[in-house]
């Protein structure tokens, strides 16, 4: 079991999907699919994590999303704009 202490405070709507949304606004193209009894997280067409454990899936998404969720809003928005301008 994971205790995701910053989820309600920093993630959009207090959901892990909010972390995916934050990453995807910066061009990650994150998606999660079931693969048999496990999960595959991909960035675009490239798999970046395969796991059979939901805790590992949640921890990965939490870490990725938290890296962006804790940024001040103006910093995140500037980063988003800069990436779109590339």
PDB file of N, CA and C in Angstrom:
ATOM      1  N   UNK A   1       0.837  -1.177   0.000  1.00  0.00           N
ATOM      2  CA  UNK A   1       0.000   0.000   0.000  1.00  0.00           C
ATOM      3  C   UNK A   1       0.885   1.245   0.000  1.00  0.00           C
ATOM      4  N   UNK A   2       0.523   2.209  -0.800  1.00  0.00           N
ATOM      5  CA  UNK A   2       1.228   3.490  -0.845  1.00  0.00           C
ATOM      6  C   UNK A   2       0.455   4.521  -0.047  1.00  0.00           C
ATOM      7  N   UNK A   3       1.193   5.409   0.600  1.00  0.00           N
ATOM      8  CA  UNK A   3       0.595   6.538   1.297  1.00  0.00           C
ATOM      9  C   UNK A   3       1.091   7.788   0.583  1.00  0.00           C
ATOM     10  N   UNK A   4       0.339   8.254  -0.396  1.00  0.00           N
ATOM     11  CA  UNK A   4       0.736   9.353  -1.260  1.00  0.00           C
ATOM     12  C   UNK A   4       0.350  10.678  -0.596  1.00  0.00           C
ATOM     13  N   UNK A   5       1.213  11.143   0.281  1.00  0.00           N
ATOM     14  CA  UNK A   5       0.898  12.244   1.188  1.00  0.00           C
ATOM     15  C   UNK A   5       0.672  13.587   0.503  1.00  0.00           C
ATOM     16  N   UNK A   6       1.256  13.816  -0.645  1.00  0.00           N
ATOM     17  CA  UNK A   6       1.129  15.105  -1.328  1.00  0.00           C
ATOM     18  C   UNK A   6       0.037  15.109  -2.387  1.00  0.00           C
ATOM     19  N   UNK A   7      -0.633  13.994  -2.560  1.00  0.00           N
ATOM     20  CA  UNK A   7      -1.619  13.860  -3.636  1.00  0.00           C
ATOM     21  C   UNK A   7      -2.715  14.913  -3.537  1.00  0.00           C
ATOM     22  N   UNK A   8      -3.378  14.992  -2.403  1.00  0.00           N
ATOM     23  CA  UNK A   8      -4.489  15.942  -2.251  1.00  0.00           C
ATOM     24  C   UNK A   8      -4.027  17.393  -2.293  1.00  0.00           C
ATOM     25  N   UNK A   9      -2.817  17.642  -1.834  1.00  0.00           N
ATOM     26  CA  UNK A   9      -2.328  19.021  -1.745  1.00  0.00           C
ATOM     27  C   UNK A   9      -1.865  19.564  -3.096  1.00  0.00           C
ATOM     28  N   UNK A  10      -1.197  18.748  -3.913  1.00  0.00           N
ATOM     29  CA  UNK A  10      -0.536  19.264  -5.103  1.00  0.00           C
ATOM     30  C   UNK A  10      -1.112  18.792  -6.440  1.00  0.00           C
ATOM     31  N   UNK A  11      -1.716  17.627  -6.481  1.00  0.00           N
ATOM     32  CA  UNK A  11      -2.161  17.079  -7.759  1.00  0.00           C
ATOM     33  C   UNK A  11      -3.531  17.627  -8.138  1.00  0.00           C
ATOM     34  N   UNK A  12      -3.707  17.960  -9.426  1.00  0.00           N
ATOM     35  CA  UNK A  12      -5.031  18.423  -9.862  1.00  0.00           C
ATOM     36  C   UNK A  12      -6.120  17.455  -9.441  1.00  0.00           C
ATOM     37  N   UNK A  13      -7.115  17.973  -8.760  1.00  0.00           N
ATOM     38  CA  UNK A  13      -8.258  17.217  -8.256  1.00  0.00           C
ATOM     39  C   UNK A  13      -7.859  16.082  -7.311  1.00  0.00           C
ATOM     40  N   UNK A  14      -6.626  16.106  -6.796  1.00  0.00           N
ATOM     41  CA  UNK A  14      -6.176  15.105  -5.840  1.00  0.00           C
ATOM     42  C   UNK A  14      -6.091  13.707  -6.403  1.00  0.00           C
ATOM     43  N   UNK A  15      -5.919  13.586  -7.718  1.00  0.00           N
ATOM     44  CA  UNK A  15      -5.905  12.287  -8.389  1.00  0.00           C
ATOM     45  C   UNK A  15      -4.575  12.065  -9.101  1.00  0.00           C
ATOM     46  N   UNK A  16      -4.118  10.810  -9.156  1.00  0.00           N
ATOM     47  CA  UNK A  16      -2.901  10.489  -9.884  1.00  0.00           C
ATOM     48  C   UNK A  16      -3.009  10.874 -11.357  1.00  0.00           C
ATOM     49  N   UNK A  17      -4.205  10.789 -11.909  1.00  0.00           N
ATOM     50  CA  UNK A  17      -4.397  11.168 -13.310  1.00  0.00           C
ATOM     51  C   UNK A  17      -4.015  12.629 -13.524  1.00  0.00           C
ATOM     52  N   UNK A  18      -4.146  13.441 -12.486  1.00  0.00           N
ATOM     53  CA  UNK A  18      -3.724  14.832 -12.576  1.00  0.00           C
ATOM     54  C   UNK A  18      -2.228  14.951 -12.826  1.00  0.00           C
ATOM     55  N   UNK A  19      -1.459  14.032 -12.274  1.00  0.00           N
ATOM     56  CA  UNK A  19      -0.014  14.012 -12.525  1.00  0.00           C
ATOM     57  C   UNK A  19       0.293  13.667 -13.968  1.00  0.00           C
ATOM     58  N   UNK A  20      -0.473  12.745 -14.521  1.00  0.00           N
ATOM     59  CA  UNK A  20      -0.314  12.399 -15.937  1.00  0.00           C
ATOM     60  C   UNK A  20      -0.665  13.609 -16.791  1.00  0.00           C
ATOM     61  N   UNK A  21      -1.734  14.297 -16.448  1.00  0.00           N
ATOM     62  CA  UNK A  21      -2.143  15.491 -17.199  1.00  0.00           C
ATOM     63  C   UNK A  21      -1.047  16.558 -17.178  1.00  0.00           C
ATOM     64  N   UNK A  22      -0.443  16.777 -16.010  1.00  0.00           N
ATOM     65  CA  UNK A  22       0.635  17.767 -15.911  1.00  0.00           C
ATOM     66  C   UNK A  22       1.805  17.386 -16.814  1.00  0.00           C
ATOM     67  N   UNK A  23       2.210  16.124 -16.780  1.00  0.00           N
ATOM     68  CA  UNK A  23       3.318  15.667 -17.628  1.00  0.00           C
ATOM     69  C   UNK A  23       2.959  15.781 -19.108  1.00  0.00           C
ATOM     70  N   UNK A  24       1.728  15.432 -19.445  1.00  0.00           N
ATOM     71  CA  UNK A  24       1.326  15.466 -20.847  1.00  0.00           C
ATOM     72  C   UNK A  24       1.222  16.888 -21.387  1.00  0.00           C
ATOM     73  N   UNK A  25       0.902  17.840 -20.540  1.00  0.00           N
ATOM     74  CA  UNK A  25       0.899  19.245 -20.981  1.00  0.00           C
ATOM     75  C   UNK A  25       2.307  19.703 -21.353  1.00  0.00           C
ATOM     76  N   UNK A  26       3.318  18.965 -20.882  1.00  0.00           N
ATOM     77  CA  UNK A  26       4.705  19.283 -21.206  1.00  0.00           C
ATOM     78  C   UNK A  26       5.269  18.351 -22.270  1.00  0.00           C
ATOM     79  N   UNK A  27       4.395  17.618 -22.937  1.00  0.00           N
ATOM     80  CA  UNK A  27       4.815  16.832 -24.084  1.00  0.00           C
ATOM     81  C   UNK A  27       5.245  15.401 -23.825  1.00  0.00           C
ATOM     82  N   UNK A  28       5.010  14.878 -22.627  1.00  0.00           N
ATOM     83  CA  UNK A  28       5.416  13.509 -22.334  1.00  0.00           C
ATOM     84  C   UNK A  28       4.605  12.474 -23.107  1.00  0.00           C
ATOM     85  N   UNK A  29       3.344  12.713 -23.350  1.00  0.00           N
ATOM     86  CA  UNK A  29       2.506  11.728 -24.040  1.00  0.00           C
ATOM     87  C   UNK A  29       2.335  10.444 -23.243  1.00  0.00           C
ATOM     88  N   UNK A  30       2.159  10.568 -21.935  1.00  0.00           N
ATOM     89  CA  UNK A  30       2.053   9.405 -21.048  1.00  0.00           C
ATOM     90  C   UNK A  30       0.702   8.718 -21.222  1.00  0.00           C
ATOM     91  N   UNK A  31       0.759   7.394 -21.330  1.00  0.00           N
ATOM     92  CA  UNK A  31      -0.458   6.585 -21.327  1.00  0.00           C
ATOM     93  C   UNK A  31      -0.182   5.329 -20.508  1.00  0.00           C
ATOM     94  N   UNK A  32      -1.246   4.757 -19.968  1.00  0.00           N
ATOM     95  CA  UNK A  32      -1.151   3.542 -19.162  1.00  0.00           C
ATOM     96  C   UNK A  32      -2.092   2.517 -19.764  1.00  0.00           C
ATOM     97  N   UNK A  33      -1.567   1.328 -20.031  1.00  0.00           N
ATOM     98  CA  UNK A  33      -2.382   0.239 -20.561  1.00  0.00           C
ATOM     99  C   UNK A  33      -2.201  -1.007 -19.701  1.00  0.00           C
ATOM    100  N   UNK A  34      -3.258  -1.795 -19.672  1.00  0.00           N
ATOM    101  CA  UNK A  34      -3.163  -3.118 -19.057  1.00  0.00           C
ATOM    102  C   UNK A  34      -2.419  -4.020 -20.032  1.00  0.00           C
ATOM    103  N   UNK A  35      -1.586  -4.901 -19.490  1.00  0.00           N
ATOM    104  CA  UNK A  35      -0.858  -5.880 -20.297  1.00  0.00           C
ATOM    105  C   UNK A  35      -0.909  -7.203 -19.543  1.00  0.00           C
ATOM    106  N   UNK A  36      -1.895  -8.018 -19.868  1.00  0.00           N
ATOM    107  CA  UNK A  36      -2.093  -9.249 -19.113  1.00  0.00           C
ATOM    108  C   UNK A  36      -2.491  -8.903 -17.692  1.00  0.00           C
ATOM    109  N   UNK A  37      -1.700  -9.380 -16.731  1.00  0.00           N
ATOM    110  CA  UNK A  37      -1.952  -9.083 -15.318  1.00  0.00           C
ATOM    111  C   UNK A  37      -1.203  -7.841 -14.848  1.00  0.00           C
ATOM    112  N   UNK A  38      -0.513  -7.174 -15.764  1.00  0.00           N
ATOM    113  CA  UNK A  38       0.303  -6.038 -15.371  1.00  0.00           C
ATOM    114  C   UNK A  38      -0.075  -4.765 -16.101  1.00  0.00           C
ATOM    115  N   UNK A  39       0.844  -3.827 -16.051  1.00  0.00           N
ATOM    116  CA  UNK A  39       0.632  -2.491 -16.611  1.00  0.00           C
ATOM    117  C   UNK A  39       1.849  -2.090 -17.431  1.00  0.00           C
ATOM    118  N   UNK A  40       1.603  -1.290 -18.461  1.00  0.00           N
ATOM    119  CA  UNK A  40       2.684  -0.687 -19.237  1.00  0.00           C
ATOM    120  C   UNK A  40       2.427   0.810 -19.295  1.00  0.00           C
ATOM    121  N   UNK A  41       3.424   1.578 -18.890  1.00  0.00           N
ATOM    122  CA  UNK A  41       3.376   3.023 -19.045  1.00  0.00           C
ATOM    123  C   UNK A  41       4.237   3.356 -20.248  1.00  0.00           C
ATOM    124  N   UNK A  42       3.670   4.132 -21.160  1.00  0.00           N
ATOM    125  CA  UNK A  42       4.389   4.521 -22.365  1.00  0.00           C
ATOM    126  C   UNK A  42       4.458   6.036 -22.459  1.00  0.00           C
ATOM    127  N   UNK A  43       5.501   6.491 -23.148  1.00  0.00           N
ATOM    128  CA  UNK A  43       5.633   7.888 -23.535  1.00  0.00           C
ATOM    129  C   UNK A  43       5.578   7.890 -25.053  1.00  0.00           C
ATOM    130  N   UNK A  44       4.441   8.338 -25.582  1.00  0.00           N
ATOM    131  CA  UNK A  44       4.220   8.175 -27.020  1.00  0.00           C
ATOM    132  C   UNK A  44       4.113   6.695 -27.323  1.00  0.00           C
ATOM    133  N   UNK A  45       4.932   6.221 -28.239  1.00  0.00           N
ATOM    134  CA  UNK A  45       4.929   4.803 -28.595  1.00  0.00           C
ATOM    135  C   UNK A  45       5.974   3.992 -27.841  1.00  0.00           C
ATOM    136  N   UNK A  46       6.759   4.657 -26.986  1.00  0.00           N
ATOM    137  CA  UNK A  46       7.856   3.991 -26.288  1.00  0.00           C
ATOM    138  C   UNK A  46       7.458   3.549 -24.888  1.00  0.00           C
ATOM    139  N   UNK A  47       7.485   2.238 -24.623  1.00  0.00           N
ATOM    140  CA  UNK A  47       7.243   1.790 -23.242  1.00  0.00           C
ATOM    141  C   UNK A  47       8.379   2.290 -22.339  1.00  0.00           C
ATOM    142  N   UNK A  48       8.017   2.813 -21.175  1.00  0.00           N
ATOM    143  CA  UNK A  48       9.038   3.286 -20.237  1.00  0.00           C
ATOM    144  C   UNK A  48       8.988   2.548 -18.899  1.00  0.00           C
ATOM    145  N   UNK A  49       7.889   1.820 -18.642  1.00  0.00           N
ATOM    146  CA  UNK A  49       7.803   1.013 -17.424  1.00  0.00           C
ATOM    147  C   UNK A  49       6.819  -0.118 -17.654  1.00  0.00           C
ATOM    148  N   UNK A  50       7.247  -1.335 -17.315  1.00  0.00           N
ATOM    149  CA  UNK A  50       6.351  -2.490 -17.266  1.00  0.00           C
ATOM    150  C   UNK A  50       6.387  -3.011 -15.842  1.00  0.00           C
ATOM    151  N   UNK A  51       5.225  -3.270 -15.285  1.00  0.00           N
ATOM    152  CA  UNK A  51       5.173  -3.784 -13.918  1.00  0.00           C
ATOM    153  C   UNK A  51       3.912  -4.612 -13.721  1.00  0.00           C
ATOM    154  N   UNK A  52       4.001  -5.566 -12.848  1.00  0.00           N
ATOM    155  CA  UNK A  52       2.834  -6.349 -12.457  1.00  0.00           C
ATOM    156  C   UNK A  52       2.226  -5.818 -11.160  1.00  0.00           C
ATOM    157  N   UNK A  53       2.852  -4.805 -10.593  1.00  0.00           N
ATOM    158  CA  UNK A  53       2.440  -4.310  -9.283  1.00  0.00           C
ATOM    159  C   UNK A  53       1.821  -2.919  -9.377  1.00  0.00           C
ATOM    160  N   UNK A  54       0.606  -2.809  -8.903  1.00  0.00           N
ATOM    161  CA  UNK A  54      -0.085  -1.514  -8.935  1.00  0.00           C
ATOM    162  C   UNK A  54       0.655  -0.469  -8.106  1.00  0.00           C
ATOM    163  N   UNK A  55       1.283  -0.880  -7.012  1.00  0.00           N
ATOM    164  CA  UNK A  55       2.054   0.059  -6.191  1.00  0.00           C
ATOM    165  C   UNK A  55       3.190   0.682  -6.993  1.00  0.00           C
ATOM    166  N   UNK A  56       3.869  -0.110  -7.810  1.00  0.00           N
ATOM    167  CA  UNK A  56       4.959   0.425  -8.636  1.00  0.00           C
ATOM    168  C   UNK A  56       4.413   1.397  -9.675  1.00  0.00           C
ATOM    169  N   UNK A  57       3.287   1.062 -10.273  1.00  0.00           N
ATOM    170  CA  UNK A  57       2.629   1.950 -11.239  1.00  0.00           C
ATOM    171  C   UNK A  57       2.294   3.281 -10.574  1.00  0.00           C
ATOM    172  N   UNK A  58       1.641   3.221  -9.426  1.00  0.00           N
ATOM    173  CA  UNK A  58       1.248   4.433  -8.720  1.00  0.00           C
ATOM    174  C   UNK A  58       2.463   5.252  -8.294  1.00  0.00           C
ATOM    175  N   UNK A  59       3.504   4.594  -7.821  1.00  0.00           N
ATOM    176  CA  UNK A  59       4.705   5.305  -7.381  1.00  0.00           C
ATOM    177  C   UNK A  59       5.377   6.023  -8.541  1.00  0.00           C
ATOM    178  N   UNK A  60       5.418   5.385  -9.697  1.00  0.00           N
ATOM    179  CA  UNK A  60       6.015   6.015 -10.868  1.00  0.00           C
ATOM    180  C   UNK A  60       5.243   7.267 -11.261  1.00  0.00           C
ATOM    181  N   UNK A  61       3.932   7.141 -11.364  1.00  0.00           N
ATOM    182  CA  UNK A  61       3.092   8.275 -11.754  1.00  0.00           C
ATOM    183  C   UNK A  61       3.175   9.384 -10.706  1.00  0.00           C
ATOM    184  N   UNK A  62       3.179   8.993  -9.439  1.00  0.00           N
ATOM    185  CA  UNK A  62       3.270   9.965  -8.344  1.00  0.00           C
ATOM    186  C   UNK A  62       4.572  10.753  -8.440  1.00  0.00           C
ATOM    187  N   UNK A  63       5.670  10.066  -8.639  1.00  0.00           N
ATOM    188  CA  UNK A  63       6.969  10.734  -8.734  1.00  0.00           C
ATOM    189  C   UNK A  63       7.045  11.662  -9.930  1.00  0.00           C
ATOM    190  N   UNK A  64       6.593  11.192 -11.077  1.00  0.00           N
ATOM    191  CA  UNK A  64       6.610  12.010 -12.284  1.00  0.00           C
ATOM    192  C   UNK A  64       5.730  13.242 -12.109  1.00  0.00           C
ATOM    193  N   UNK A  65       4.517  13.034 -11.644  1.00  0.00           N
ATOM    194  CA  UNK A  65       3.592  14.150 -11.469  1.00  0.00           C
ATOM    195  C   UNK A  65       4.036  15.116 -10.399  1.00  0.00           C
ATOM    196  N   UNK A  66       4.595  14.607  -9.309  1.00  0.00           N
ATOM    197  CA  UNK A  66       5.013  15.469  -8.205  1.00  0.00           C
ATOM    198  C   UNK A  66       6.132  16.408  -8.632  1.00  0.00           C
ATOM    199  N   UNK A  67       7.003  15.939  -9.517  1.00  0.00           N
ATOM    200  CA  UNK A  67       8.087  16.791 -10.012  1.00  0.00           C
ATOM    201  C   UNK A  67       7.538  18.071 -10.637  1.00  0.00           C
ATOM    202  N   UNK A  68       6.378  17.983 -11.274  1.00  0.00           N
ATOM    203  CA  UNK A  68       5.760  19.150 -11.892  1.00  0.00           C
ATOM    204  C   UNK A  68       4.736  19.819 -10.978  1.00  0.00           C
ATOM    205  N   UNK A  69       4.054  19.035 -10.168  1.00  0.00           N
ATOM    206  CA  UNK A  69       2.967  19.561  -9.331  1.00  0.00           C
ATOM    207  C   UNK A  69       3.455  20.537  -8.274  1.00  0.00           C
ATOM    208  N   UNK A  70       4.681  20.370  -7.817  1.00  0.00           N
ATOM    209  CA  UNK A  70       5.181  21.250  -6.759  1.00  0.00           C
ATOM    210  C   UNK A  70       5.734  22.564  -7.290  1.00  0.00           C
ATOM    211  N   UNK A  71       5.872  22.683  -8.608  1.00  0.00           N
ATOM    212  CA  UNK A  71       6.364  23.937  -9.174  1.00  0.00           C
ATOM    213  C   UNK A  71       5.346  25.045  -8.947  1.00  0.00           C
ATOM    214  N   UNK A  72       5.803  26.245  -8.647  1.00  0.00           N
ATOM    215  CA  UNK A  72       4.858  27.361  -8.593  1.00  0.00           C
ATOM    216  C   UNK A  72       4.153  27.485  -9.946  1.00  0.00           C
ATOM    217  N   UNK A  73       2.912  27.894  -9.917  1.00  0.00           N
ATOM    218  CA  UNK A  73       2.099  27.923 -11.133  1.00  0.00           C
ATOM    219  C   UNK A  73       2.741  28.749 -12.242  1.00  0.00           C
ATOM    220  N   UNK A  74       3.308  29.904 -11.898  1.00  0.00           N
ATOM    221  CA  UNK A  74       3.923  30.736 -12.937  1.00  0.00           C
ATOM    222  C   UNK A  74       5.147  30.058 -13.557  1.00  0.00           C
ATOM    223  N   UNK A  75       5.902  29.297 -12.777  1.00  0.00           N
ATOM    224  CA  UNK A  75       7.067  28.572 -13.291  1.00  0.00           C
ATOM    225  C   UNK A  75       6.604  27.451 -14.226  1.00  0.00           C
ATOM    226  N   UNK A  76       5.608  26.688 -13.782  1.00  0.00           N
ATOM    227  CA  UNK A  76       5.073  25.610 -14.624  1.00  0.00           C
ATOM    228  C   UNK A  76       4.539  26.182 -15.944  1.00  0.00           C
ATOM    229  N   UNK A  77       3.769  27.273 -15.865  1.00  0.00           N
ATOM    230  CA  UNK A  77       3.205  27.869 -17.077  1.00  0.00           C
ATOM    231  C   UNK A  77       4.293  28.368 -18.019  1.00  0.00           C
ATOM    232  N   UNK A  78       5.364  28.930 -17.471  1.00  0.00           N
ATOM    233  CA  UNK A  78       6.492  29.381 -18.298  1.00  0.00           C
ATOM    234  C   UNK A  78       7.171  28.196 -18.977  1.00  0.00           C
ATOM    235  N   UNK A  79       7.334  27.106 -18.235  1.00  0.00           N
ATOM    236  CA  UNK A  79       7.918  25.894 -18.800  1.00  0.00           C
ATOM    237  C   UNK A  79       7.041  25.340 -19.917  1.00  0.00           C
ATOM    238  N   UNK A  80       5.747  25.291 -19.670  1.00  0.00           N
ATOM    239  CA  UNK A  80       4.797  24.803 -20.683  1.00  0.00           C
ATOM    240  C   UNK A  80       4.893  25.664 -21.951  1.00  0.00           C
ATOM    241  N   UNK A  81       4.919  26.973 -21.784  1.00  0.00           N
ATOM    242  CA  UNK A  81       4.999  27.879 -22.933  1.00  0.00           C
ATOM    243  C   UNK A  81       6.312  27.686 -23.683  1.00  0.00           C
ATOM    244  N   UNK A  82       7.418  27.591 -22.944  1.00  0.00           N
ATOM    245  CA  UNK A  82       8.726  27.421 -23.573  1.00  0.00           C
ATOM    246  C   UNK A  82       8.782  26.128 -24.391  1.00  0.00           C
ATOM    247  N   UNK A  83       8.219  25.054 -23.878  1.00  0.00           N
ATOM    248  CA  UNK A  83       8.218  23.784 -24.603  1.00  0.00           C
ATOM    249  C   UNK A  83       7.343  23.849 -25.854  1.00  0.00           C
ATOM    250  N   UNK A  84       6.242  24.560 -25.775  1.00  0.00           N
ATOM    251  CA  UNK A  84       5.370  24.700 -26.938  1.00  0.00           C
ATOM    252  C   UNK A  84       6.038  25.536 -28.023  1.00  0.00           C
ATOM    253  N   UNK A  85       6.908  26.471 -27.617  1.00  0.00           N
ATOM    254  CA  UNK A  85       7.588  27.349 -28.566  1.00  0.00           C
ATOM    255  C   UNK A  85       8.762  26.665 -29.258  1.00  0.00           C
ATOM    256  N   UNK A  86       9.154  25.497 -28.801  1.00  0.00           N
ATOM    257  CA  UNK A  86      10.304  24.799 -29.432  1.00  0.00           C
ATOM    258  C   UNK A  86       9.975  24.305 -30.822  1.00  0.00           C
TER     259      UNK A  86
END
